[in-house]
Amino acid sequence: QQLAWQAQQTEASVPAKWMPAFLRHGSGVHTAISVEQELSGMLQHMRVPHVVASAAAVPGSIYRVPIWFPEPKAVLDVDVQGDRLASGILGGAAELRRSQLRAAGLQVISFESSTLSRSSRPQRLQSLATMLSELCPEASAWLSSSEAAAMFQREANADQDFDEDDEDDEMGDDHQKPEKTNKFSNRPGRDRPGPPHRRAQHMR
C-alpha cells in the first residue's frame, strides 16, 4: 500500500492495475487507540486544537495519523514496537511512512510511545508541550502558565522528598550497630543466683 501510494504520487502515467486494488484498503492503523486517546487528553488539557486518529491528513487517506494539527499542517507520528530495528535506528517502513507524510506537505513530529509508561503525567505534559511549542502557540502558552509552573514545582518537591528518604535509609543502614550482649547474662552465679545447693557450698 505504501509503494502503491508512492508510485501514484511520482508517476505521471496511468497507474498500474495493481495500485487501485491496494489503495482501496484505506488507511492502516499502526498506533494503539489507548496511546492516541492519552495524547489527545494531554492536548486537550493544554487547549491545543487537533484532530485525533484522522485519515484526512494525507491525500488518498493512506495513513490514519494518531494526531493531526490542521492549522500548522503537522502530524504527531508515534513510534511503536516494530518501527525501530534492534540497533535503534528507524526501520524502512517507518522511514517511508514519514517520508510520505512530508511529501504530502506535513511537518512530522516523532513521539515514542514508550515514554508514556516511563514518566509521570507532569513529565509527559512538559515533554509534549516542548515538542509542540514552536508549532502551536497554545502549547507554548501552557508551558509558561502558572498552572504548569505549579505542577512542575510539585513534581520537583516530590522528587526531592524521595531522594531525602533514600539518603536517610542509607545512613540508617551504615550507622546501625549490633546490640552488645552480656556473655555472662545466662551463666549462674554472675547476674543471677545459681541453684540453692551451689549457694550453700559457697557459704561453707
N, C-alpha and C. Protein backbone atom coordinates (compact mmCIF):
# COMPACT_ATOMS: atom_id res chain seq x y z
N GLN A 1 0.83 -1.19 0.00
CA GLN A 1 0.00 0.00 0.00
C GLN A 1 0.88 1.26 0.00
N GLN A 2 1.96 1.25 0.80
CA GLN A 2 2.88 2.38 0.79
C GLN A 2 3.50 2.58 -0.58
N LEU A 3 3.91 1.48 -1.21
CA LEU A 3 4.54 1.56 -2.53
C LEU A 3 3.54 2.01 -3.59
N ALA A 4 2.30 1.56 -3.48
CA ALA A 4 1.27 1.97 -4.44
C ALA A 4 1.03 3.47 -4.35
N TRP A 5 0.94 3.99 -3.13
CA TRP A 5 0.73 5.43 -2.96
C TRP A 5 1.92 6.22 -3.49
N GLN A 6 3.13 5.73 -3.20
CA GLN A 6 4.35 6.41 -3.66
C GLN A 6 4.40 6.45 -5.18
N ALA A 7 4.09 5.33 -5.82
CA ALA A 7 4.11 5.28 -7.28
C ALA A 7 3.05 6.18 -7.88
N GLN A 8 1.89 6.23 -7.25
CA GLN A 8 0.81 7.08 -7.74
C GLN A 8 1.17 8.55 -7.68
N GLN A 9 1.95 8.94 -6.64
CA GLN A 9 2.31 10.34 -6.48
C GLN A 9 3.45 10.76 -7.40
N THR A 10 4.30 9.83 -7.78
CA THR A 10 5.51 10.19 -8.53
C THR A 10 5.40 9.93 -10.02
N GLU A 11 4.55 8.97 -10.42
CA GLU A 11 4.44 8.64 -11.84
C GLU A 11 3.32 9.44 -12.49
N ALA A 12 3.64 10.04 -13.61
CA ALA A 12 2.66 10.86 -14.32
C ALA A 12 1.76 10.02 -15.22
N SER A 13 2.22 8.83 -15.57
CA SER A 13 1.44 7.97 -16.45
C SER A 13 0.26 7.34 -15.71
N VAL A 14 -0.54 6.60 -16.42
CA VAL A 14 -1.68 5.93 -15.83
C VAL A 14 -1.17 4.88 -14.84
N PRO A 15 -1.71 4.86 -13.64
CA PRO A 15 -1.22 3.91 -12.65
C PRO A 15 -1.43 2.47 -13.09
N ALA A 16 -0.55 1.61 -12.60
CA ALA A 16 -0.66 0.20 -12.93
C ALA A 16 -1.93 -0.39 -12.33
N LYS A 17 -2.32 -1.55 -12.88
CA LYS A 17 -3.58 -2.15 -12.45
C LYS A 17 -3.57 -2.55 -10.97
N TRP A 18 -2.39 -2.86 -10.45
CA TRP A 18 -2.33 -3.35 -9.07
C TRP A 18 -2.48 -2.24 -8.04
N MET A 19 -2.24 -0.99 -8.44
CA MET A 19 -2.26 0.11 -7.47
C MET A 19 -3.64 0.36 -6.85
N PRO A 20 -4.69 0.52 -7.65
CA PRO A 20 -6.01 0.80 -7.03
C PRO A 20 -6.46 -0.28 -6.07
N ALA A 21 -6.10 -1.53 -6.37
CA ALA A 21 -6.53 -2.62 -5.51
C ALA A 21 -5.95 -2.47 -4.11
N PHE A 22 -4.70 -2.04 -4.02
CA PHE A 22 -4.08 -1.84 -2.71
C PHE A 22 -4.59 -0.58 -2.03
N LEU A 23 -4.80 0.47 -2.81
CA LEU A 23 -5.22 1.74 -2.22
C LEU A 23 -6.66 1.69 -1.73
N ARG A 24 -7.46 0.78 -2.27
CA ARG A 24 -8.86 0.68 -1.84
C ARG A 24 -8.98 0.18 -0.40
N HIS A 25 -7.92 -0.42 0.13
CA HIS A 25 -7.99 -0.93 1.51
C HIS A 25 -8.10 0.19 2.53
N GLY A 26 -7.77 1.40 2.13
CA GLY A 26 -7.88 2.53 3.05
C GLY A 26 -6.71 2.60 4.00
N SER A 27 -6.83 3.47 4.98
CA SER A 27 -5.73 3.74 5.89
C SER A 27 -5.52 2.59 6.87
N GLY A 28 -4.26 2.34 7.19
CA GLY A 28 -3.94 1.33 8.17
C GLY A 28 -3.77 1.95 9.55
N VAL A 29 -3.84 1.12 10.58
CA VAL A 29 -3.68 1.58 11.96
C VAL A 29 -2.39 1.00 12.51
N HIS A 30 -1.48 1.86 12.91
CA HIS A 30 -0.21 1.37 13.45
C HIS A 30 0.00 1.80 14.90
N THR A 31 -0.92 2.61 15.44
CA THR A 31 -0.79 3.11 16.81
C THR A 31 -1.98 2.63 17.64
N ALA A 32 -1.69 2.21 18.86
CA ALA A 32 -2.75 1.74 19.75
C ALA A 32 -3.73 2.88 20.05
N ILE A 33 -5.00 2.53 20.12
CA ILE A 33 -6.03 3.53 20.38
C ILE A 33 -5.81 4.18 21.75
N SER A 34 -5.34 3.40 22.72
CA SER A 34 -5.11 3.95 24.06
C SER A 34 -4.04 5.05 24.03
N VAL A 35 -3.03 4.88 23.18
CA VAL A 35 -1.98 5.90 23.05
C VAL A 35 -2.56 7.17 22.43
N GLU A 36 -3.36 7.00 21.39
CA GLU A 36 -4.00 8.15 20.75
C GLU A 36 -4.88 8.91 21.74
N GLN A 37 -5.64 8.18 22.54
CA GLN A 37 -6.53 8.82 23.50
C GLN A 37 -5.75 9.56 24.58
N GLU A 38 -4.65 8.98 25.04
CA GLU A 38 -3.87 9.66 26.07
C GLU A 38 -3.22 10.93 25.53
N LEU A 39 -2.68 10.86 24.32
CA LEU A 39 -2.10 12.06 23.71
C LEU A 39 -3.16 13.14 23.49
N SER A 40 -4.33 12.73 23.03
CA SER A 40 -5.41 13.69 22.82
C SER A 40 -5.84 14.32 24.14
N GLY A 41 -5.88 13.52 25.21
CA GLY A 41 -6.25 14.05 26.52
C GLY A 41 -5.26 15.11 27.00
N MET A 42 -3.97 14.89 26.79
CA MET A 42 -2.97 15.87 27.19
C MET A 42 -3.07 17.14 26.35
N LEU A 43 -3.35 16.98 25.06
CA LEU A 43 -3.51 18.16 24.19
C LEU A 43 -4.75 18.96 24.58
N GLN A 44 -5.81 18.27 24.94
CA GLN A 44 -6.99 18.98 25.42
C GLN A 44 -6.70 19.73 26.71
N HIS A 45 -5.89 19.12 27.56
CA HIS A 45 -5.51 19.78 28.82
C HIS A 45 -4.78 21.09 28.53
N MET A 46 -3.97 21.09 27.48
CA MET A 46 -3.21 22.29 27.10
C MET A 46 -3.99 23.19 26.15
N ARG A 47 -5.20 22.75 25.78
CA ARG A 47 -6.07 23.51 24.87
C ARG A 47 -5.43 23.70 23.49
N VAL A 48 -4.80 22.64 23.00
CA VAL A 48 -4.19 22.68 21.67
C VAL A 48 -5.17 22.08 20.67
N PRO A 49 -5.62 22.84 19.65
CA PRO A 49 -6.55 22.29 18.66
C PRO A 49 -5.90 21.15 17.87
N HIS A 50 -6.63 20.06 17.70
CA HIS A 50 -6.08 18.91 16.99
C HIS A 50 -7.21 17.99 16.56
N VAL A 51 -6.87 17.06 15.69
CA VAL A 51 -7.80 16.01 15.27
C VAL A 51 -7.13 14.68 15.58
N VAL A 52 -7.85 13.82 16.28
CA VAL A 52 -7.27 12.55 16.70
C VAL A 52 -7.68 11.43 15.74
N ALA A 53 -6.72 10.54 15.45
CA ALA A 53 -6.96 9.36 14.61
C ALA A 53 -7.62 9.73 13.29
N SER A 54 -6.96 10.60 12.55
CA SER A 54 -7.55 11.09 11.30
C SER A 54 -6.85 10.48 10.08
N ALA A 55 -7.67 10.14 9.06
CA ALA A 55 -7.13 9.69 7.78
C ALA A 55 -7.20 10.80 6.74
N ALA A 56 -7.71 11.96 7.14
CA ALA A 56 -7.88 13.05 6.19
C ALA A 56 -6.63 13.90 6.02
N ALA A 57 -5.61 13.65 6.83
CA ALA A 57 -4.40 14.48 6.76
C ALA A 57 -3.61 14.24 5.49
N VAL A 58 -3.65 13.02 4.98
CA VAL A 58 -2.86 12.65 3.81
C VAL A 58 -3.79 12.40 2.63
N PRO A 59 -3.50 12.99 1.47
CA PRO A 59 -4.32 12.72 0.28
C PRO A 59 -4.35 11.23 -0.04
N GLY A 60 -5.52 10.73 -0.31
CA GLY A 60 -5.66 9.30 -0.56
C GLY A 60 -5.96 8.50 0.69
N SER A 61 -5.87 9.16 1.84
CA SER A 61 -6.19 8.52 3.14
C SER A 61 -5.42 7.22 3.35
N ILE A 62 -4.16 7.22 2.95
CA ILE A 62 -3.36 6.01 3.11
C ILE A 62 -2.96 5.78 4.56
N TYR A 63 -2.85 6.88 5.33
CA TYR A 63 -2.44 6.75 6.73
C TYR A 63 -3.50 7.32 7.66
N ARG A 64 -3.69 6.63 8.75
CA ARG A 64 -4.54 7.13 9.84
C ARG A 64 -3.58 7.66 10.91
N VAL A 65 -3.29 8.96 10.84
CA VAL A 65 -2.28 9.52 11.72
C VAL A 65 -2.85 9.66 13.14
N PRO A 66 -2.02 9.41 14.15
CA PRO A 66 -2.52 9.48 15.54
C PRO A 66 -3.07 10.85 15.90
N ILE A 67 -2.29 11.91 15.61
CA ILE A 67 -2.71 13.28 15.92
C ILE A 67 -2.38 14.16 14.72
N TRP A 68 -3.38 14.95 14.31
CA TRP A 68 -3.20 15.87 13.18
C TRP A 68 -3.50 17.28 13.64
N PHE A 69 -2.60 18.20 13.31
CA PHE A 69 -2.78 19.62 13.61
C PHE A 69 -3.04 20.34 12.28
N PRO A 70 -4.30 20.58 11.94
CA PRO A 70 -4.61 21.17 10.62
C PRO A 70 -4.02 22.56 10.43
N GLU A 71 -4.01 23.38 11.49
CA GLU A 71 -3.58 24.77 11.33
C GLU A 71 -2.10 24.90 10.97
N PRO A 72 -1.17 24.28 11.72
CA PRO A 72 0.23 24.34 11.29
C PRO A 72 0.60 23.28 10.27
N LYS A 73 -0.38 22.48 9.84
CA LYS A 73 -0.14 21.39 8.88
C LYS A 73 0.97 20.47 9.40
N ALA A 74 0.70 19.87 10.52
CA ALA A 74 1.67 18.97 11.15
C ALA A 74 0.96 17.74 11.68
N VAL A 75 1.73 16.68 11.87
CA VAL A 75 1.19 15.45 12.45
C VAL A 75 2.14 14.97 13.53
N LEU A 76 1.57 14.30 14.50
CA LEU A 76 2.34 13.65 15.56
C LEU A 76 2.41 12.17 15.20
N ASP A 77 3.57 11.73 14.77
CA ASP A 77 3.76 10.34 14.37
C ASP A 77 4.40 9.59 15.52
N VAL A 78 3.74 8.54 15.97
CA VAL A 78 4.16 7.83 17.18
C VAL A 78 4.99 6.61 16.83
N ASP A 79 6.16 6.52 17.43
CA ASP A 79 6.98 5.31 17.31
C ASP A 79 6.33 4.19 18.10
N VAL A 80 6.13 3.06 17.45
CA VAL A 80 5.57 1.91 18.14
C VAL A 80 6.50 0.72 17.94
N GLN A 81 6.20 -0.36 18.62
CA GLN A 81 7.02 -1.56 18.51
C GLN A 81 7.06 -2.04 17.06
N GLY A 82 8.25 -2.24 16.57
CA GLY A 82 8.42 -2.66 15.19
C GLY A 82 8.88 -1.54 14.29
N ASP A 83 8.75 -0.29 14.74
CA ASP A 83 9.20 0.85 13.93
C ASP A 83 10.73 0.95 13.90
N ARG A 84 11.37 0.51 14.97
CA ARG A 84 12.83 0.62 15.06
C ARG A 84 13.49 -0.75 15.04
N LEU A 85 14.67 -0.79 14.46
CA LEU A 85 15.44 -2.02 14.41
C LEU A 85 16.13 -2.26 15.74
N ALA A 86 16.79 -3.40 15.86
CA ALA A 86 17.48 -3.74 17.10
C ALA A 86 18.58 -2.73 17.42
N SER A 87 19.14 -2.10 16.39
CA SER A 87 20.20 -1.10 16.59
C SER A 87 19.65 0.23 17.09
N GLY A 88 18.31 0.41 17.02
CA GLY A 88 17.71 1.66 17.47
C GLY A 88 17.35 2.61 16.34
N ILE A 89 17.85 2.36 15.14
CA ILE A 89 17.54 3.25 14.03
C ILE A 89 16.15 2.94 13.48
N LEU A 90 15.58 3.90 12.77
CA LEU A 90 14.22 3.75 12.24
C LEU A 90 14.20 2.72 11.12
N GLY A 91 13.21 1.83 11.16
CA GLY A 91 13.07 0.80 10.14
C GLY A 91 12.60 1.37 8.82
N GLY A 92 12.68 0.55 7.79
CA GLY A 92 12.34 1.01 6.44
C GLY A 92 10.90 1.44 6.28
N ALA A 93 9.95 0.67 6.83
CA ALA A 93 8.53 1.01 6.69
C ALA A 93 8.21 2.32 7.40
N ALA A 94 8.77 2.51 8.61
CA ALA A 94 8.53 3.75 9.36
C ALA A 94 9.18 4.94 8.66
N GLU A 95 10.37 4.73 8.12
CA GLU A 95 11.06 5.81 7.41
C GLU A 95 10.29 6.21 6.15
N LEU A 96 9.75 5.23 5.45
CA LEU A 96 8.95 5.52 4.26
C LEU A 96 7.67 6.24 4.64
N ARG A 97 7.05 5.83 5.74
CA ARG A 97 5.82 6.48 6.20
C ARG A 97 6.06 7.97 6.47
N ARG A 98 7.12 8.28 7.18
CA ARG A 98 7.40 9.68 7.49
C ARG A 98 7.82 10.46 6.25
N SER A 99 8.52 9.80 5.36
CA SER A 99 8.89 10.47 4.11
C SER A 99 7.66 10.82 3.29
N GLN A 100 6.69 9.91 3.26
CA GLN A 100 5.46 10.18 2.52
C GLN A 100 4.59 11.25 3.20
N LEU A 101 4.63 11.27 4.52
CA LEU A 101 3.90 12.34 5.22
C LEU A 101 4.50 13.70 4.90
N ARG A 102 5.81 13.77 4.84
CA ARG A 102 6.47 15.05 4.49
C ARG A 102 6.19 15.41 3.03
N ALA A 103 6.16 14.40 2.17
CA ALA A 103 5.87 14.65 0.76
C ALA A 103 4.47 15.20 0.57
N ALA A 104 3.58 14.89 1.52
CA ALA A 104 2.21 15.41 1.45
C ALA A 104 2.11 16.83 2.01
N GLY A 105 3.25 17.43 2.36
CA GLY A 105 3.26 18.81 2.84
C GLY A 105 3.06 18.95 4.33
N LEU A 106 3.31 17.88 5.09
CA LEU A 106 3.10 17.90 6.53
C LEU A 106 4.43 17.93 7.27
N GLN A 107 4.44 18.65 8.37
CA GLN A 107 5.58 18.58 9.28
C GLN A 107 5.37 17.38 10.20
N VAL A 108 6.41 16.59 10.37
CA VAL A 108 6.31 15.36 11.14
C VAL A 108 7.04 15.52 12.47
N ILE A 109 6.30 15.32 13.55
CA ILE A 109 6.87 15.36 14.89
C ILE A 109 6.83 13.94 15.44
N SER A 110 7.99 13.37 15.71
CA SER A 110 8.04 11.99 16.19
C SER A 110 7.89 11.94 17.70
N PHE A 111 7.21 10.91 18.15
CA PHE A 111 6.96 10.73 19.58
C PHE A 111 7.06 9.25 19.90
N GLU A 112 7.83 8.89 20.91
CA GLU A 112 7.98 7.49 21.31
C GLU A 112 6.90 7.12 22.33
N SER A 113 6.12 6.13 22.00
CA SER A 113 5.02 5.74 22.88
C SER A 113 5.52 5.18 24.20
N SER A 114 6.76 4.67 24.23
CA SER A 114 7.30 4.09 25.47
C SER A 114 7.47 5.14 26.56
N THR A 115 7.60 6.42 26.18
CA THR A 115 7.77 7.47 27.19
C THR A 115 6.51 7.66 28.02
N LEU A 116 5.37 7.21 27.51
CA LEU A 116 4.12 7.36 28.25
C LEU A 116 4.10 6.50 29.51
N SER A 117 4.81 5.38 29.46
CA SER A 117 4.83 4.48 30.62
C SER A 117 6.05 4.69 31.51
N ARG A 118 7.05 5.43 31.01
CA ARG A 118 8.28 5.61 31.78
C ARG A 118 8.30 6.90 32.59
N SER A 119 7.33 7.76 32.43
CA SER A 119 7.38 9.07 33.09
C SER A 119 6.03 9.39 33.73
N SER A 120 6.05 10.38 34.62
CA SER A 120 4.82 10.83 35.28
C SER A 120 4.03 11.73 34.34
N ARG A 121 2.80 12.02 34.71
CA ARG A 121 1.96 12.86 33.84
C ARG A 121 2.54 14.27 33.69
N PRO A 122 3.02 14.94 34.76
CA PRO A 122 3.64 16.26 34.54
C PRO A 122 4.83 16.19 33.58
N GLN A 123 5.63 15.14 33.66
CA GLN A 123 6.76 15.00 32.77
C GLN A 123 6.30 14.78 31.33
N ARG A 124 5.23 14.01 31.16
CA ARG A 124 4.71 13.77 29.80
C ARG A 124 4.14 15.06 29.21
N LEU A 125 3.42 15.81 30.02
CA LEU A 125 2.87 17.08 29.54
C LEU A 125 3.99 18.04 29.15
N GLN A 126 5.01 18.12 29.97
CA GLN A 126 6.12 19.02 29.68
C GLN A 126 6.84 18.61 28.40
N SER A 127 7.07 17.31 28.23
CA SER A 127 7.75 16.82 27.04
C SER A 127 6.95 17.11 25.78
N LEU A 128 5.66 16.83 25.82
CA LEU A 128 4.80 17.06 24.66
C LEU A 128 4.67 18.53 24.34
N ALA A 129 4.49 19.37 25.36
CA ALA A 129 4.37 20.81 25.13
C ALA A 129 5.66 21.39 24.55
N THR A 130 6.80 20.90 25.00
CA THR A 130 8.08 21.37 24.49
C THR A 130 8.23 21.02 23.01
N MET A 131 7.81 19.81 22.63
CA MET A 131 7.88 19.39 21.24
C MET A 131 7.05 20.30 20.32
N LEU A 132 5.90 20.73 20.84
CA LEU A 132 4.94 21.47 20.01
C LEU A 132 5.04 22.97 20.17
N SER A 133 5.92 23.45 21.04
CA SER A 133 5.93 24.87 21.38
C SER A 133 6.21 25.78 20.19
N GLU A 134 7.00 25.31 19.22
CA GLU A 134 7.32 26.16 18.06
C GLU A 134 6.22 26.12 17.01
N LEU A 135 5.37 25.11 17.05
CA LEU A 135 4.31 24.98 16.04
C LEU A 135 2.96 25.45 16.56
N CYS A 136 2.70 25.20 17.83
CA CYS A 136 1.39 25.50 18.40
C CYS A 136 1.54 26.54 19.51
N PRO A 137 1.03 27.75 19.31
CA PRO A 137 1.16 28.78 20.35
C PRO A 137 0.48 28.39 21.65
N GLU A 138 -0.56 27.54 21.57
CA GLU A 138 -1.25 27.12 22.79
C GLU A 138 -0.33 26.29 23.68
N ALA A 139 0.50 25.45 23.06
CA ALA A 139 1.45 24.65 23.84
C ALA A 139 2.50 25.53 24.49
N SER A 140 2.98 26.53 23.76
CA SER A 140 3.96 27.46 24.31
C SER A 140 3.37 28.27 25.47
N ALA A 141 2.11 28.68 25.30
CA ALA A 141 1.44 29.44 26.36
C ALA A 141 1.24 28.60 27.60
N TRP A 142 0.93 27.32 27.42
CA TRP A 142 0.74 26.46 28.59
C TRP A 142 2.05 26.26 29.34
N LEU A 143 3.15 26.12 28.61
CA LEU A 143 4.46 25.93 29.26
C LEU A 143 4.81 27.08 30.18
N SER A 144 4.42 28.29 29.81
CA SER A 144 4.75 29.48 30.62
C SER A 144 3.63 29.87 31.57
N SER A 145 2.60 29.05 31.68
CA SER A 145 1.47 29.37 32.55
C SER A 145 1.78 29.07 34.00
N SER A 146 1.00 29.69 34.90
CA SER A 146 1.17 29.45 36.33
C SER A 146 0.78 28.02 36.69
N GLU A 147 -0.17 27.46 35.97
CA GLU A 147 -0.58 26.08 36.22
C GLU A 147 0.58 25.11 35.98
N ALA A 148 1.27 25.30 34.85
CA ALA A 148 2.41 24.43 34.54
C ALA A 148 3.53 24.62 35.55
N ALA A 149 3.78 25.87 35.94
CA ALA A 149 4.85 26.14 36.91
C ALA A 149 4.56 25.45 38.24
N ALA A 150 3.30 25.54 38.69
CA ALA A 150 2.93 24.89 39.96
C ALA A 150 3.04 23.37 39.85
N MET A 151 2.65 22.81 38.71
CA MET A 151 2.74 21.36 38.51
C MET A 151 4.18 20.89 38.53
N PHE A 152 5.05 21.64 37.84
CA PHE A 152 6.47 21.25 37.80
C PHE A 152 7.12 21.39 39.18
N GLN A 153 6.69 22.40 39.95
CA GLN A 153 7.25 22.59 41.29
C GLN A 153 6.85 21.45 42.21
N ARG A 154 5.59 21.02 42.12
CA ARG A 154 5.15 19.88 42.93
C ARG A 154 5.92 18.62 42.57
N GLU A 155 6.17 18.45 41.29
CA GLU A 155 6.93 17.28 40.84
C GLU A 155 8.36 17.33 41.38
N ALA A 156 8.98 18.52 41.33
CA ALA A 156 10.34 18.67 41.84
C ALA A 156 10.40 18.43 43.34
N ASN A 157 9.41 18.93 44.08
CA ASN A 157 9.38 18.72 45.53
C ASN A 157 9.21 17.24 45.87
N ALA A 158 8.38 16.55 45.10
CA ALA A 158 8.17 15.13 45.35
C ALA A 158 9.45 14.34 45.10
N ASP A 159 10.18 14.71 44.04
CA ASP A 159 11.46 14.03 43.74
C ASP A 159 12.47 14.29 44.85
N GLN A 160 12.50 15.53 45.36
CA GLN A 160 13.45 15.88 46.41
C GLN A 160 13.14 15.10 47.70
N ASP A 161 11.87 15.02 48.04
CA ASP A 161 11.48 14.26 49.24
C ASP A 161 11.86 12.79 49.10
N PHE A 162 11.69 12.26 47.90
CA PHE A 162 12.02 10.85 47.67
C PHE A 162 13.53 10.63 47.82
N ASP A 163 14.33 11.57 47.27
CA ASP A 163 15.79 11.44 47.39
C ASP A 163 16.23 11.53 48.85
N GLU A 164 15.62 12.43 49.61
CA GLU A 164 15.98 12.57 51.02
C GLU A 164 15.64 11.32 51.81
N ASP A 165 14.51 10.70 51.49
CA ASP A 165 14.14 9.45 52.16
C ASP A 165 15.15 8.36 51.87
N ASP A 166 15.62 8.31 50.63
CA ASP A 166 16.64 7.31 50.27
C ASP A 166 17.93 7.53 51.03
N GLU A 167 18.34 8.82 51.17
CA GLU A 167 19.56 9.12 51.90
C GLU A 167 19.43 8.74 53.37
N ASP A 168 18.27 9.01 53.96
CA ASP A 168 18.05 8.64 55.36
C ASP A 168 18.13 7.13 55.55
N ASP A 169 17.57 6.39 54.62
CA ASP A 169 17.61 4.93 54.72
C ASP A 169 19.04 4.42 54.63
N GLU A 170 19.83 5.01 53.73
CA GLU A 170 21.21 4.57 53.56
C GLU A 170 22.04 4.89 54.80
N MET A 171 21.84 6.10 55.37
CA MET A 171 22.58 6.46 56.58
C MET A 171 22.19 5.57 57.75
N GLY A 172 20.91 5.21 57.82
CA GLY A 172 20.48 4.34 58.90
C GLY A 172 21.12 2.97 58.80
N ASP A 173 21.27 2.47 57.58
CA ASP A 173 21.90 1.17 57.39
C ASP A 173 23.38 1.22 57.74
N ASP A 174 24.07 2.35 57.39
CA ASP A 174 25.51 2.46 57.65
C ASP A 174 25.82 2.58 59.13
N HIS A 175 24.96 3.25 59.90
CA HIS A 175 25.25 3.51 61.30
C HIS A 175 24.63 2.49 62.25
N GLN A 176 23.92 1.54 61.69
CA GLN A 176 23.29 0.55 62.55
C GLN A 176 24.35 -0.41 63.08
N LYS A 177 24.43 -0.56 64.38
CA LYS A 177 25.41 -1.43 65.01
C LYS A 177 24.69 -2.54 65.76
N PRO A 178 25.31 -3.70 65.81
CA PRO A 178 24.66 -4.80 66.54
C PRO A 178 24.62 -4.51 68.03
N GLU A 179 23.58 -4.97 68.67
CA GLU A 179 23.45 -4.74 70.10
C GLU A 179 24.48 -5.56 70.87
N LYS A 180 25.05 -4.93 71.91
CA LYS A 180 26.01 -5.64 72.75
C LYS A 180 25.25 -6.51 73.74
N THR A 181 25.71 -7.72 73.86
CA THR A 181 25.06 -8.64 74.79
C THR A 181 26.06 -9.05 75.86
N ASN A 182 25.57 -9.25 77.03
CA ASN A 182 26.41 -9.69 78.15
C ASN A 182 26.59 -11.19 78.03
N LYS A 183 27.83 -11.61 77.77
CA LYS A 183 28.07 -13.03 77.56
C LYS A 183 27.88 -13.84 78.83
N PHE A 184 27.82 -13.13 79.96
CA PHE A 184 27.61 -13.84 81.22
C PHE A 184 26.17 -13.81 81.68
N SER A 185 25.29 -13.20 80.86
CA SER A 185 23.93 -12.98 81.34
C SER A 185 23.20 -14.28 81.62
N ASN A 186 23.57 -15.34 80.92
CA ASN A 186 22.88 -16.60 81.13
C ASN A 186 23.68 -17.59 81.99
N ARG A 187 24.82 -17.11 82.58
CA ARG A 187 25.62 -18.01 83.42
C ARG A 187 25.24 -17.84 84.89
N PRO A 188 24.98 -18.95 85.58
CA PRO A 188 24.60 -18.84 87.00
C PRO A 188 25.75 -18.35 87.84
N GLY A 189 25.42 -17.55 88.87
CA GLY A 189 26.44 -17.03 89.78
C GLY A 189 26.99 -15.69 89.38
N ARG A 190 26.54 -15.17 88.22
CA ARG A 190 27.02 -13.87 87.75
C ARG A 190 25.96 -12.80 87.92
N ASP A 191 24.97 -12.81 87.00
CA ASP A 191 23.92 -11.79 87.07
C ASP A 191 22.72 -12.26 87.86
N ARG A 192 22.67 -13.56 88.14
CA ARG A 192 21.54 -14.06 88.92
C ARG A 192 22.05 -15.22 89.78
N PRO A 193 21.45 -15.46 90.90
CA PRO A 193 21.94 -16.52 91.79
C PRO A 193 21.77 -17.88 91.17
N GLY A 194 22.73 -18.78 91.50
CA GLY A 194 22.67 -20.13 90.97
C GLY A 194 21.71 -20.98 91.78
N PRO A 195 21.74 -22.29 91.54
CA PRO A 195 20.85 -23.21 92.27
C PRO A 195 21.14 -23.17 93.76
N PRO A 196 20.20 -23.50 94.63
CA PRO A 196 20.36 -23.41 96.10
C PRO A 196 21.52 -24.24 96.63
N HIS A 197 21.75 -25.48 96.13
CA HIS A 197 22.80 -26.30 96.70
C HIS A 197 24.17 -25.74 96.42
N ARG A 198 24.36 -25.05 95.31
CA ARG A 198 25.65 -24.43 95.00
C ARG A 198 25.87 -23.22 95.89
N ARG A 199 24.82 -22.51 96.23
CA ARG A 199 24.98 -21.35 97.11
C ARG A 199 25.40 -21.84 98.49
N ALA A 200 24.86 -22.96 98.91
CA ALA A 200 25.22 -23.48 100.24
C ALA A 200 26.67 -23.90 100.29
N GLN A 201 27.17 -24.56 99.25
CA GLN A 201 28.57 -24.95 99.22
C GLN A 201 29.49 -23.75 99.23
N HIS A 202 29.12 -22.72 98.58
CA HIS A 202 29.93 -21.50 98.53
C HIS A 202 30.01 -20.83 99.89
N MET A 203 28.93 -20.88 100.70
CA MET A 203 28.93 -20.26 102.02
C MET A 203 29.81 -21.03 102.97
N ARG A 204 29.98 -22.35 102.84
CA ARG A 204 30.87 -23.11 103.69
C ARG A 204 32.31 -22.73 103.47
